[in-house]
N, C-alpha and C. Protein backbone atom coordinates (compact mmCIF):
# COMPACT_ATOMS: atom_id res chain seq x y z
N UNK A 1 152.00 63.17 143.74
CA UNK A 1 152.86 64.26 144.61
C UNK A 1 154.36 64.34 144.61
N UNK A 2 154.86 65.13 143.68
CA UNK A 2 156.20 64.92 144.01
C UNK A 2 156.79 65.69 145.26
N UNK A 3 158.14 64.70 145.65
CA UNK A 3 158.42 64.95 146.69
C UNK A 3 159.22 67.07 147.06
N UNK A 4 159.00 67.76 147.42
CA UNK A 4 159.53 69.20 147.73
C UNK A 4 160.89 68.97 148.13
N UNK A 5 161.53 70.26 147.19
CA UNK A 5 163.02 69.99 148.51
C UNK A 5 163.08 71.76 148.98
N UNK A 6 163.39 71.65 150.34
CA UNK A 6 163.35 72.28 151.03
C UNK A 6 164.32 73.60 150.44
N UNK A 7 163.86 74.88 150.36
CA UNK A 7 164.48 76.09 149.85
C UNK A 7 165.73 76.53 150.71
N UNK A 8 166.75 77.52 150.31
CA UNK A 8 167.62 77.84 151.17
C UNK A 8 166.84 78.62 152.28
N UNK A 9 165.82 79.87 151.94
CA UNK A 9 165.29 80.67 152.95
C UNK A 9 163.88 80.21 152.60
N UNK A 10 163.20 80.43 153.81
CA UNK A 10 162.12 80.10 154.43
C UNK A 10 160.99 80.34 153.32
N UNK A 11 160.30 79.58 153.14
CA UNK A 11 159.27 79.67 152.08
C UNK A 11 157.95 80.33 153.16
N UNK A 12 157.39 81.90 152.38
CA UNK A 12 157.04 82.61 152.86
C UNK A 12 154.98 82.70 152.76
N UNK A 13 154.35 82.53 153.49
CA UNK A 13 152.95 82.00 153.53
C UNK A 13 152.35 82.84 153.64
N UNK A 14 151.00 83.04 152.85
CA UNK A 14 149.75 83.74 152.82
C UNK A 14 148.63 82.91 153.63
N UNK A 15 147.84 82.38 154.53
CA UNK A 15 147.00 81.67 155.29
C UNK A 15 145.65 82.97 154.58
N UNK A 16 144.86 82.30 153.31
CA UNK A 16 143.36 83.02 153.19
C UNK A 16 141.91 82.21 153.65
N UNK A 17 141.77 82.26 154.51
CA UNK A 17 140.41 81.77 154.93
C UNK A 17 139.56 81.91 155.69
N UNK A 18 138.34 82.24 155.84
CA UNK A 18 137.13 83.22 156.31
C UNK A 18 137.12 82.47 157.33
N UNK A 19 137.51 81.11 157.53
CA UNK A 19 137.19 80.75 159.22
C UNK A 19 138.54 80.48 159.92
N UNK A 20 138.53 81.55 161.34
CA UNK A 20 139.94 81.60 161.88
C UNK A 20 140.14 80.44 162.82
N UNK A 21 139.12 79.18 162.89
CA UNK A 21 139.69 78.27 163.52
C UNK A 21 140.50 76.79 162.92
N UNK A 22 140.15 77.15 161.32
CA UNK A 22 141.51 76.61 160.27
C UNK A 22 142.62 77.50 160.21
N UNK A 23 142.48 78.65 160.32
CA UNK A 23 143.79 79.89 159.97
C UNK A 23 144.86 78.37 161.16
N UNK A 24 143.98 78.88 162.21
CA UNK A 24 144.61 78.57 163.82
C UNK A 24 145.32 77.17 163.25
N UNK A 25 144.51 76.46 162.80
CA UNK A 25 145.50 74.92 162.76
C UNK A 25 146.24 74.69 161.82
N UNK A 26 146.12 75.50 160.42
CA UNK A 26 147.37 75.79 159.72
C UNK A 26 148.14 76.23 160.68
N UNK A 27 148.13 77.01 161.01
CA UNK A 27 149.54 77.63 161.18
C UNK A 27 149.96 76.84 162.26
N UNK A 28 149.12 76.06 163.11
CA UNK A 28 150.28 75.06 164.47
C UNK A 28 150.71 74.29 163.40
N UNK A 29 149.95 73.69 162.66
CA UNK A 29 150.61 72.50 161.59
C UNK A 29 152.16 72.85 160.93
N UNK A 30 151.75 73.99 160.35
CA UNK A 30 152.88 74.49 159.59
C UNK A 30 154.03 75.20 160.37
N UNK A 31 153.71 76.16 161.38
CA UNK A 31 154.55 76.34 162.33
C UNK A 31 155.77 75.75 163.16
N UNK A 32 155.47 74.34 162.50
CA UNK A 32 156.68 73.15 163.19
C UNK A 32 157.83 73.06 162.41
N UNK A 33 157.74 73.71 161.23
CA UNK A 33 158.37 73.50 159.79
C UNK A 33 159.43 74.95 159.74
N UNK A 34 160.81 74.57 160.11
CA UNK A 34 161.77 75.38 160.00
C UNK A 34 161.60 76.58 158.73
N UNK A 35 161.34 75.50 157.78
CA UNK A 35 161.78 76.34 156.46
C UNK A 35 160.11 77.23 155.92
N UNK A 36 159.33 76.97 156.63
CA UNK A 36 157.87 77.57 156.34
C UNK A 36 157.90 78.39 157.53
N UNK A 37 157.30 79.81 157.05
CA UNK A 37 157.38 81.06 157.17
C UNK A 37 155.63 82.09 157.69
N UNK A 38 154.83 81.92 158.05
CA UNK A 38 153.49 82.48 157.73
C UNK A 38 153.52 83.74 157.88
N UNK A 39 153.26 84.77 156.77
CA UNK A 39 153.73 85.80 157.48
C UNK A 39 151.99 86.81 157.66
N UNK A 40 151.41 86.07 156.79
CA UNK A 40 150.01 86.88 157.42
C UNK A 40 148.93 85.90 157.03
N UNK A 41 147.85 86.62 157.72
CA UNK A 41 146.43 86.09 157.79
C UNK A 41 145.30 86.79 157.01
N UNK A 42 144.51 86.56 156.01
CA UNK A 42 143.20 87.11 155.43
C UNK A 42 142.41 86.56 155.35
N UNK A 43 141.19 86.91 155.97
CA UNK A 43 139.95 86.48 156.15
C UNK A 43 138.82 86.35 155.11
N UNK A 44 139.69 86.96 154.24
CA UNK A 44 138.58 86.97 152.27
C UNK A 44 139.46 86.99 151.32
N UNK A 45 138.77 87.23 150.27
CA UNK A 45 139.63 86.93 148.76
C UNK A 45 139.92 88.56 149.02
N UNK A 46 139.36 89.41 148.88
CA UNK A 46 140.08 90.68 149.04
C UNK A 46 141.30 91.07 149.36
N UNK A 47 140.90 90.71 150.70
CA UNK A 47 142.10 90.66 151.56
C UNK A 47 143.33 89.90 151.33
N UNK A 48 143.26 89.07 151.01
CA UNK A 48 144.46 87.74 150.11
C UNK A 48 145.19 88.85 149.55
N UNK A 49 144.10 89.05 148.04
CA UNK A 49 144.61 90.11 147.29
C UNK A 49 145.31 90.99 147.64
N UNK A 50 145.03 92.22 148.35
CA UNK A 50 145.52 93.29 148.90
C UNK A 50 146.90 92.98 149.67
N UNK A 51 147.11 91.77 150.90
CA UNK A 51 148.31 91.28 151.12
C UNK A 51 149.09 90.61 150.77
N UNK A 52 148.87 89.84 149.07
CA UNK A 52 149.53 89.49 148.35
C UNK A 52 150.80 90.59 147.79
N UNK A 53 149.47 91.51 147.27
CA UNK A 53 150.26 92.61 146.69
C UNK A 53 151.13 93.27 147.39
N UNK A 54 151.06 93.55 148.68
CA UNK A 54 151.85 94.48 149.48
C UNK A 54 152.92 93.86 150.16
N UNK A 55 152.94 92.32 151.09
CA UNK A 55 153.98 91.50 151.24
C UNK A 55 154.71 90.34 150.01
N UNK A 56 154.18 90.37 149.23
CA UNK A 56 154.23 89.11 148.13
C UNK A 56 155.09 87.97 148.79
N UNK A 57 154.28 86.80 149.26
CA UNK A 57 154.27 85.87 149.60
C UNK A 57 154.85 84.81 148.98
N UNK A 58 155.38 84.44 148.94
CA UNK A 58 155.97 82.86 148.03
C UNK A 58 154.63 82.01 147.20
N UNK A 59 153.97 81.84 148.67
CA UNK A 59 152.60 80.53 148.24
C UNK A 59 151.34 81.24 149.19
N UNK A 60 150.56 81.38 148.31
CA UNK A 60 148.81 82.08 149.16
C UNK A 60 148.10 80.42 149.17
N UNK A 61 147.88 79.84 150.75
CA UNK A 61 146.78 78.76 150.59
C UNK A 61 145.54 79.22 150.62
N UNK A 62 144.64 79.35 149.91
CA UNK A 62 143.62 79.83 149.18
C UNK A 62 142.57 78.97 149.74
N UNK A 63 141.66 79.52 150.39
CA UNK A 63 140.39 78.79 150.65
C UNK A 63 139.44 79.15 149.37
N UNK A 64 138.22 78.09 148.43
CA UNK A 64 137.35 78.57 147.67
C UNK A 64 136.40 79.72 148.06
N UNK A 65 135.91 78.98 148.89
CA UNK A 65 134.47 80.15 149.24
C UNK A 65 134.90 81.10 150.44
N UNK A 66 135.01 82.26 150.03
CA UNK A 66 135.15 83.38 151.26
C UNK A 66 134.13 84.54 150.99
N UNK A 67 133.87 85.73 151.60
CA UNK A 67 133.12 86.79 151.38
C UNK A 67 133.72 87.74 150.38
N UNK A 68 132.97 88.60 150.39
CA UNK A 68 133.60 89.78 149.38
C UNK A 68 134.78 89.60 148.34
N UNK A 69 135.15 88.50 148.31
CA UNK A 69 135.88 88.06 147.23
C UNK A 69 135.77 86.42 147.22
N UNK A 70 135.84 85.53 145.99
CA UNK A 70 135.92 83.88 146.92
C UNK A 70 137.66 83.69 145.70
N UNK A 71 137.67 82.46 146.65
CA UNK A 71 138.98 82.13 146.24
C UNK A 71 139.56 82.17 144.50
N UNK A 72 138.76 81.73 143.38
CA UNK A 72 138.87 81.76 142.57
C UNK A 72 139.05 83.58 141.71
N UNK A 73 138.11 84.43 142.12
CA UNK A 73 138.28 85.88 141.76
C UNK A 73 139.45 86.43 142.36
N UNK A 74 139.73 85.76 143.75
CA UNK A 74 141.53 86.22 144.38
C UNK A 74 142.68 85.75 143.68
N UNK A 75 142.27 84.64 143.16
CA UNK A 75 143.72 84.09 142.74
C UNK A 75 143.53 84.34 140.94
N UNK A 76 142.44 84.93 140.44
CA UNK A 76 142.40 85.58 139.13
C UNK A 76 143.36 86.82 138.96
N UNK A 77 143.23 87.44 140.50
CA UNK A 77 143.64 88.78 140.17
C UNK A 77 145.26 89.09 140.66
N UNK A 78 145.11 87.57 141.35
CA UNK A 78 146.55 87.49 141.98
C UNK A 78 148.07 87.38 140.49
N UNK A 79 146.88 86.70 139.57
CA UNK A 79 148.05 86.00 138.64
C UNK A 79 147.99 86.82 137.46
N UNK A 80 146.97 87.95 137.26
CA UNK A 80 146.62 88.83 136.09
C UNK A 80 147.44 89.80 136.67
N UNK A 81 147.84 90.41 137.86
CA UNK A 81 149.03 91.08 138.26
C UNK A 81 150.38 90.82 138.13
N UNK A 82 150.32 89.26 137.61
CA UNK A 82 151.73 89.01 137.20
C UNK A 82 152.78 88.85 138.79
N UNK A 83 152.17 88.94 139.51
CA UNK A 83 153.00 88.98 140.96
C UNK A 83 153.63 87.60 140.94
N UNK A 84 154.66 87.43 141.88
CA UNK A 84 155.93 86.57 142.02
C UNK A 84 154.84 85.57 142.84
N UNK A 85 153.92 85.18 142.81
CA UNK A 85 152.93 84.79 144.29
C UNK A 85 152.26 83.34 143.71
N UNK A 86 152.39 82.70 144.26
CA UNK A 86 152.04 80.94 143.85
C UNK A 86 150.82 80.49 144.06
N UNK A 87 149.53 80.34 144.30
CA UNK A 87 148.69 79.82 144.81
C UNK A 87 148.34 78.52 145.09
N UNK A 88 147.67 77.85 145.80
CA UNK A 88 147.54 76.74 145.95
C UNK A 88 146.28 76.39 146.88
N UNK A 89 145.03 76.17 146.18
CA UNK A 89 143.83 75.88 146.54
C UNK A 89 143.54 74.83 147.68
N UNK A 90 142.63 75.21 148.35
CA UNK A 90 142.48 73.87 149.58
C UNK A 90 140.97 74.05 149.54
N UNK A 91 140.50 73.27 149.10
CA UNK A 91 138.87 72.95 149.02
C UNK A 91 138.36 71.85 149.61
N UNK A 92 137.13 71.57 149.69
CA UNK A 92 136.35 70.49 150.29
C UNK A 92 135.70 69.84 149.33
N UNK A 93 135.24 68.42 149.08
CA UNK A 93 134.36 68.11 148.07
C UNK A 93 133.31 68.48 147.40
N UNK A 94 132.23 69.08 148.20
CA UNK A 94 131.20 69.77 148.46
C UNK A 94 131.61 70.79 147.35
N UNK A 95 132.84 71.46 147.24
CA UNK A 95 133.27 72.70 146.50
C UNK A 95 133.85 72.13 145.42
N UNK A 96 133.31 71.01 144.95
CA UNK A 96 134.56 70.58 143.49
C UNK A 96 134.35 71.34 142.27
N UNK A 97 133.02 72.31 141.84
CA UNK A 97 132.56 72.55 140.84
C UNK A 97 133.26 73.93 141.14
N UNK A 98 133.82 74.29 141.61
CA UNK A 98 134.62 75.56 141.69
C UNK A 98 136.36 75.38 141.24
N UNK A 99 136.46 73.93 141.74
CA UNK A 99 138.25 73.95 141.39
C UNK A 99 138.70 73.80 140.14
N UNK A 100 138.00 73.52 139.11
CA UNK A 100 138.70 73.64 137.94
C UNK A 100 138.38 75.11 137.22
N UNK A 101 137.28 75.72 137.72
CA UNK A 101 137.42 77.79 137.87
C UNK A 101 138.68 78.05 138.44
N UNK A 102 139.21 77.54 138.87
CA UNK A 102 140.42 78.00 140.15
C UNK A 102 141.79 77.94 139.23
N UNK A 103 141.50 76.70 138.55
CA UNK A 103 142.70 75.90 138.15
C UNK A 103 142.89 76.64 136.54
N UNK A 104 141.82 77.15 136.19
CA UNK A 104 141.82 77.88 134.58
C UNK A 104 142.31 79.41 135.28
N UNK A 105 141.68 79.91 136.51
CA UNK A 105 142.20 81.33 136.82
C UNK A 105 143.58 81.54 137.07
N UNK A 106 144.61 80.26 136.90
CA UNK A 106 145.78 80.30 137.22
C UNK A 106 146.53 79.79 138.81
N UNK A 107 145.78 79.04 139.36
CA UNK A 107 146.40 78.26 140.62
C UNK A 107 147.24 77.14 140.33
N UNK A 108 148.05 77.00 141.31
CA UNK A 108 149.09 76.03 141.14
C UNK A 108 148.88 74.88 141.45
N UNK A 109 147.73 74.56 141.96
CA UNK A 109 147.53 73.11 142.33
C UNK A 109 146.35 73.29 143.54
N UNK A 110 145.77 72.09 143.90
CA UNK A 110 144.97 72.05 144.99
C UNK A 110 144.61 70.68 145.85
N UNK A 111 144.01 70.95 147.12
CA UNK A 111 144.49 69.83 147.87
C UNK A 111 143.24 70.00 148.35
N UNK A 112 142.66 68.46 148.97
CA UNK A 112 141.35 68.60 149.93
C UNK A 112 141.84 69.39 151.49
N UNK A 113 141.11 70.11 151.85
CA UNK A 113 141.22 70.39 153.56
C UNK A 113 141.80 69.57 154.24
N UNK A 114 141.09 68.20 154.62
CA UNK A 114 141.74 67.03 155.11
C UNK A 114 142.72 66.53 154.85
N UNK A 115 143.50 67.42 153.86
CA UNK A 115 145.15 66.70 153.36
C UNK A 115 145.77 66.41 154.41
N UNK A 116 146.46 64.94 154.68
CA UNK A 116 147.61 64.65 155.86
C UNK A 116 148.27 65.92 155.97
N UNK A 117 148.87 66.04 156.68
CA UNK A 117 150.06 67.48 157.27
C UNK A 117 151.13 67.48 156.73
N UNK A 118 151.67 65.96 156.74
CA UNK A 118 152.87 66.00 155.90
C UNK A 118 152.57 66.19 154.07
N UNK A 119 151.50 65.60 153.52
CA UNK A 119 151.00 66.22 152.37
C UNK A 119 151.06 67.49 152.13
N UNK A 120 150.24 68.07 152.73
CA UNK A 120 150.26 69.40 152.71
C UNK A 120 151.62 70.24 152.89
N UNK A 121 152.51 69.71 153.46
CA UNK A 121 153.89 70.54 153.81
C UNK A 121 154.68 70.50 152.37
N UNK A 122 154.85 69.24 152.00
CA UNK A 122 155.30 68.84 150.71
C UNK A 122 154.65 69.46 149.51
N UNK A 123 153.60 69.82 149.33
CA UNK A 123 152.67 70.90 148.30
C UNK A 123 153.43 71.86 148.60
N UNK A 124 153.38 72.72 149.61
CA UNK A 124 153.36 73.95 149.59
C UNK A 124 154.94 74.40 149.19
N UNK A 125 155.88 73.10 149.62
CA UNK A 125 157.56 73.52 148.94
C UNK A 125 157.61 73.25 147.55
N UNK A 126 156.69 72.06 147.00
CA UNK A 126 156.67 72.12 145.74
C UNK A 126 156.17 72.81 145.09
N UNK A 127 155.16 74.27 145.37
CA UNK A 127 154.68 74.84 144.61
C UNK A 127 155.47 76.20 144.95
N UNK A 128 156.16 76.25 145.77
CA UNK A 128 157.02 77.33 146.19
C UNK A 128 158.49 77.37 145.36
N UNK A 129 158.78 76.28 145.01
CA UNK A 129 159.76 75.47 143.89
C UNK A 129 159.37 75.98 142.26
N UNK A 130 158.52 75.98 141.79
CA UNK A 130 158.12 76.51 140.70
C UNK A 130 156.95 75.44 140.40
N UNK A 131 156.97 74.51 141.02
CA UNK A 131 155.89 72.96 139.99
C UNK A 131 155.03 73.48 140.82
N UNK A 132 154.04 72.49 140.27
CA UNK A 132 152.22 72.50 140.02
C UNK A 132 152.18 71.05 141.16
N UNK A 133 151.26 71.29 141.44
CA UNK A 133 150.70 69.89 142.60
C UNK A 133 149.33 69.28 141.63
N UNK A 134 149.47 68.17 141.47
CA UNK A 134 148.19 67.74 140.56
C UNK A 134 147.86 66.41 142.12
N UNK A 135 146.69 66.58 142.19
CA UNK A 135 146.28 65.23 142.90
C UNK A 135 145.11 64.41 142.04
N UNK A 136 145.98 63.84 141.58
CA UNK A 136 145.21 62.88 140.45
C UNK A 136 143.69 62.12 140.80
N UNK A 137 143.33 61.76 142.24
CA UNK A 137 142.32 61.36 142.49
C UNK A 137 141.29 62.13 142.72
N UNK A 138 141.51 63.65 143.11
CA UNK A 138 140.50 64.82 143.03
C UNK A 138 140.06 65.21 141.74
N UNK A 139 141.51 65.22 141.12
CA UNK A 139 140.79 65.50 139.19
C UNK A 139 140.12 64.66 138.73
N UNK A 140 140.30 63.22 139.05
CA UNK A 140 139.33 62.36 138.65
C UNK A 140 137.45 62.58 138.74
N UNK A 141 137.67 63.08 140.14
CA UNK A 141 136.32 63.01 140.81
C UNK A 141 135.72 64.12 140.14
N UNK A 142 136.51 65.45 140.31
CA UNK A 142 135.83 66.43 139.06
C UNK A 142 136.09 66.50 137.97
N UNK A 143 136.03 65.53 137.01
CA UNK A 143 136.28 65.63 135.28
C UNK A 143 135.58 64.61 135.32
N UNK A 144 135.11 63.57 136.11
CA UNK A 144 133.89 63.05 136.27
C UNK A 144 132.90 63.37 136.05
N UNK A 145 132.36 64.74 137.03
CA UNK A 145 131.16 65.38 136.58
C UNK A 145 130.98 65.84 135.26
N UNK A 146 132.01 66.59 135.05
CA UNK A 146 131.74 66.97 133.41
C UNK A 146 131.97 66.16 131.97
N UNK A 147 132.12 64.46 132.41
CA UNK A 147 132.73 63.92 131.43
C UNK A 147 131.42 63.68 129.99
N UNK A 148 130.35 63.83 130.53
CA UNK A 148 129.40 64.01 129.38
C UNK A 148 129.79 65.08 128.46
N UNK A 149 130.43 66.32 128.72
CA UNK A 149 130.43 67.01 127.89
C UNK A 149 131.38 67.66 127.29
N UNK A 150 132.70 66.61 127.90
CA UNK A 150 133.91 66.61 126.83
C UNK A 150 134.03 65.82 125.85
N UNK A 151 134.61 66.93 124.94
CA UNK A 151 134.58 65.94 123.46
C UNK A 151 135.31 65.14 123.25
N UNK A 152 134.54 64.13 121.80
CA UNK A 152 134.46 63.00 121.89
C UNK A 152 136.43 62.38 120.75
N UNK A 153 137.32 62.01 121.97
CA UNK A 153 138.75 61.66 121.54
C UNK A 153 138.80 60.91 120.49
N UNK A 154 137.77 60.48 119.59
CA UNK A 154 138.04 59.75 118.22
C UNK A 154 137.66 61.19 117.02
N UNK A 155 137.13 62.21 117.70
CA UNK A 155 136.88 62.96 116.85
C UNK A 155 138.36 64.24 116.76
N UNK A 156 138.48 64.88 115.27
CA UNK A 156 139.54 65.56 115.06
C UNK A 156 140.02 66.34 116.01
N UNK A 157 141.72 66.29 116.68
CA UNK A 157 142.14 66.78 117.50
C UNK A 157 141.95 68.64 117.72
N UNK A 158 141.50 69.06 118.49
CA UNK A 158 141.33 70.64 118.59
C UNK A 158 142.48 71.28 118.12
N UNK A 159 142.62 72.83 118.00
CA UNK A 159 143.93 72.92 116.70
C UNK A 159 144.44 73.16 117.72
N UNK A 160 144.46 73.67 118.74
CA UNK A 160 145.59 73.65 119.86
C UNK A 160 146.71 72.54 120.35
N UNK A 161 146.07 71.44 120.16
CA UNK A 161 146.69 70.27 119.94
C UNK A 161 147.46 69.89 119.08
N UNK A 162 147.43 70.58 117.73
CA UNK A 162 148.14 70.48 116.20
C UNK A 162 149.38 70.72 116.24
N UNK A 163 149.74 71.33 117.54
CA UNK A 163 150.97 72.47 117.48
C UNK A 163 152.22 71.43 117.87
N UNK A 164 151.63 70.31 118.58
CA UNK A 164 152.26 69.37 119.29
C UNK A 164 152.90 68.40 118.39
N UNK A 165 154.18 67.90 118.52
CA UNK A 165 154.67 66.47 117.75
C UNK A 165 154.06 65.43 118.77
N UNK A 166 154.16 64.33 118.27
CA UNK A 166 153.25 63.08 118.21
C UNK A 166 153.91 62.71 119.96
N UNK A 167 155.48 63.18 120.51
CA UNK A 167 155.87 62.62 121.42
C UNK A 167 155.67 63.60 122.27
N UNK A 168 155.18 64.45 122.26
CA UNK A 168 154.91 66.03 122.92
C UNK A 168 153.28 65.28 123.58
N UNK A 169 152.54 65.29 122.68
CA UNK A 169 151.44 64.31 122.74
C UNK A 169 151.24 63.50 123.58
N UNK A 170 151.90 62.02 123.65
CA UNK A 170 151.96 61.06 124.63
C UNK A 170 152.19 61.34 125.80
N UNK A 171 153.40 62.87 125.96
CA UNK A 171 153.55 63.11 127.13
C UNK A 171 152.74 63.87 128.46
N UNK A 172 151.80 64.42 127.29
CA UNK A 172 150.76 65.56 127.79
C UNK A 172 149.91 64.33 128.30
N UNK A 173 149.66 63.23 127.42
CA UNK A 173 148.59 62.55 128.07
C UNK A 173 148.94 61.38 129.59
N UNK A 174 150.26 61.31 129.34
CA UNK A 174 150.96 60.62 131.08
C UNK A 174 151.02 61.96 132.08
N UNK A 175 150.98 63.18 131.75
CA UNK A 175 151.05 64.39 132.79
C UNK A 175 149.49 64.41 133.07
N UNK A 176 148.44 63.90 132.13
CA UNK A 176 147.07 64.24 132.36
C UNK A 176 146.58 63.07 133.42
N UNK A 177 147.61 61.98 133.67
CA UNK A 177 147.18 60.95 134.31
C UNK A 177 147.82 61.07 135.56
N UNK A 178 148.18 61.92 136.14
CA UNK A 178 148.88 62.28 137.39
C UNK A 178 150.32 61.87 137.44
N UNK A 179 151.41 61.66 136.53
CA UNK A 179 152.67 61.36 136.41
C UNK A 179 153.56 61.91 136.66
N UNK A 180 154.56 61.69 137.47
CA UNK A 180 155.51 62.52 137.60
C UNK A 180 156.11 62.54 136.45
N UNK A 181 157.68 63.56 136.39
CA UNK A 181 158.00 62.93 135.35
C UNK A 181 159.46 61.91 135.01
N UNK A 182 159.56 61.28 136.62
CA UNK A 182 160.29 60.27 136.86
C UNK A 182 159.77 59.12 136.22
N UNK A 183 158.51 59.26 136.67
CA UNK A 183 157.41 57.66 136.12
C UNK A 183 157.28 57.96 134.35
N UNK A 184 157.00 59.01 133.59
CA UNK A 184 156.90 59.34 132.36
C UNK A 184 157.83 58.81 131.60
N UNK A 185 159.56 59.07 132.24
CA UNK A 185 160.64 59.18 131.71
C UNK A 185 160.60 57.10 131.73
N UNK A 186 160.10 56.94 133.12
CA UNK A 186 160.53 54.98 133.03
C UNK A 186 159.33 54.49 132.24
N UNK A 187 157.85 54.95 131.87
CA UNK A 187 157.02 54.72 131.19
C UNK A 187 158.10 54.42 129.50
N UNK A 188 158.24 55.27 129.09
CA UNK A 188 158.85 55.80 128.26
C UNK A 188 160.11 55.55 127.45
N UNK A 189 160.87 54.68 128.51
CA UNK A 189 162.09 54.49 128.29
C UNK A 189 163.06 55.73 128.03
N UNK A 190 162.62 56.79 128.67
CA UNK A 190 163.92 58.22 128.24
C UNK A 190 164.78 58.60 129.38
N UNK A 191 165.43 59.64 129.22
CA UNK A 191 165.77 60.38 130.33
C UNK A 191 164.67 61.00 131.20
N UNK A 192 164.96 60.93 132.36
CA UNK A 192 163.69 62.29 132.76
C UNK A 192 164.30 63.50 132.53
N UNK A 193 165.43 64.15 132.12
CA UNK A 193 166.10 65.21 131.27
C UNK A 193 164.74 65.33 130.07
N UNK A 194 164.94 64.65 129.61
CA UNK A 194 164.07 64.02 128.00
C UNK A 194 162.52 64.85 128.57
N UNK A 195 162.49 64.17 129.64
CA UNK A 195 160.75 64.22 130.04
C UNK A 195 160.58 65.78 129.91
N UNK A 196 161.56 66.40 130.85
CA UNK A 196 161.00 67.94 131.04
C UNK A 196 161.38 68.85 130.14
N UNK A 197 161.82 68.42 129.17
CA UNK A 197 162.34 69.20 128.38
C UNK A 197 160.83 69.18 127.36
N UNK A 198 160.32 68.13 127.21
CA UNK A 198 159.22 67.83 126.42
C UNK A 198 158.06 68.87 127.40
N UNK A 199 158.12 68.35 128.89
CA UNK A 199 156.78 68.97 129.09
C UNK A 199 156.97 70.46 128.84
N UNK A 200 157.96 70.82 129.31
CA UNK A 200 158.23 72.87 128.94
C UNK A 200 158.14 73.20 127.41
N UNK A 201 158.29 72.37 126.25
CA UNK A 201 157.73 72.76 124.80
C UNK A 201 156.28 72.60 125.10
N UNK A 202 155.28 71.45 126.11
CA UNK A 202 153.84 71.81 125.77
C UNK A 202 153.48 72.69 126.07
N UNK A 203 154.12 73.27 127.59
CA UNK A 203 153.47 74.15 127.83
C UNK A 203 153.50 75.58 127.19
N UNK A 204 155.09 75.86 126.22
CA UNK A 204 155.35 76.81 125.65
C UNK A 204 154.20 76.80 124.71
N UNK A 205 153.70 75.72 123.52
CA UNK A 205 153.14 75.63 122.82
C UNK A 205 151.96 75.83 122.82
N UNK A 206 151.13 75.58 124.05
CA UNK A 206 149.84 75.57 124.59
C UNK A 206 149.77 76.97 125.23
N UNK A 207 150.74 77.61 125.88
CA UNK A 207 150.64 79.23 126.32
C UNK A 207 150.13 78.58 127.80
N UNK A 208 150.77 77.73 128.34
CA UNK A 208 150.05 76.93 130.02
C UNK A 208 150.98 77.83 130.69
N UNK A 209 150.43 77.61 132.22
CA UNK A 209 151.08 78.07 132.89
C UNK A 209 152.21 77.08 133.40
N UNK A 210 151.45 75.89 134.05
CA UNK A 210 152.14 75.15 134.45
C UNK A 210 151.22 73.34 134.28
N UNK A 211 151.81 72.59 134.69
CA UNK A 211 151.44 71.35 134.69
C UNK A 211 149.93 71.12 135.31
N UNK A 212 149.19 71.90 136.15
CA UNK A 212 148.08 71.46 136.40
C UNK A 212 146.66 72.07 135.16
N UNK A 213 147.32 73.40 134.56
CA UNK A 213 146.29 73.87 133.42
C UNK A 213 146.91 73.04 132.34
N UNK A 214 148.14 72.10 132.00
CA UNK A 214 147.82 70.70 131.41
C UNK A 214 146.93 69.68 131.15
N UNK A 215 146.67 69.68 132.16
CA UNK A 215 145.41 68.38 132.46
C UNK A 215 144.57 69.13 132.59
N UNK A 216 143.73 69.84 133.22
CA UNK A 216 142.73 70.27 132.90
C UNK A 216 142.43 70.21 131.01
N UNK A 217 143.79 71.23 130.29
CA UNK A 217 143.39 71.54 128.90
C UNK A 217 143.50 69.51 128.12
N UNK A 218 144.05 68.97 128.67
CA UNK A 218 144.21 67.37 128.20
C UNK A 218 142.57 67.07 128.47
N UNK A 219 141.90 66.95 129.35
CA UNK A 219 140.10 66.67 129.90
C UNK A 219 139.69 67.46 129.20
N UNK A 220 139.78 68.65 128.92
CA UNK A 220 138.50 69.54 128.16
C UNK A 220 138.87 69.28 126.70
N UNK A 221 139.74 68.91 126.40
CA UNK A 221 140.15 69.15 125.02
C UNK A 221 139.53 67.06 124.31
N UNK A 222 139.67 66.36 125.48
CA UNK A 222 139.21 65.20 125.30
C UNK A 222 139.96 64.22 124.80
N UNK A 223 141.69 64.89 125.13
CA UNK A 223 142.73 63.59 124.62
C UNK A 223 143.32 62.74 125.97
N UNK A 224 142.18 63.08 127.00
CA UNK A 224 141.85 62.09 127.97
C UNK A 224 141.00 62.16 128.53
N UNK A 225 139.97 60.92 128.96
CA UNK A 225 138.69 61.09 129.25
C UNK A 225 139.17 60.61 130.94
N UNK A 226 138.23 60.62 131.79
CA UNK A 226 137.63 60.20 133.24
C UNK A 226 137.11 58.71 132.72
N UNK A 227 138.21 57.85 133.74
CA UNK A 227 137.69 56.49 133.71
C UNK A 227 136.17 56.42 134.20
N UNK A 228 135.10 55.50 133.15
CA UNK A 228 134.11 55.39 133.95
C UNK A 228 134.15 54.46 135.58
């Protein structure tokens, strides 16, 4: 996870979870940070969408399983409405099957609900700054469950990947392994600026919103496979 940089104004946050006790816990943790401001709470997905439209928070902390509208559908509604709002999914391991759906819907990342407080704060700042939060350990656990249905990496590359240069494909592989731009730059012996440019080209060519969707695509197309 990359370190977030505190913005000039507070990051406006919407808490969306159907359990009041959890919302209270998140409020206690985040309320100690001067650069984070919780502007509202939602008890279900539909309310989360309505509040997002009305208040335009910077980040929605979105639970997956909620009444009326689940977190996946709520995320899709927010993204489809082209709101300047980014969604950070909070989940538990027993709900793994929902996370890939949320990422496809346009979520900017996901964390486990038992994430350390400092990691949650950093993730919020990172997402608010326009980046995506990829938790490689959780993602590998997710994709391991679907490994049997992933395409054979030895087969002809999917047409979507054919638009990438060899270097761009190489960068995509490193992104899918959870490396930051700085780590990829060190791995490939080039500058971090160069890697940032390559990542931008990959996202544009593949029509992806951010690094999280790039990771999912890399696994779905078989460019990268979960380790045994």
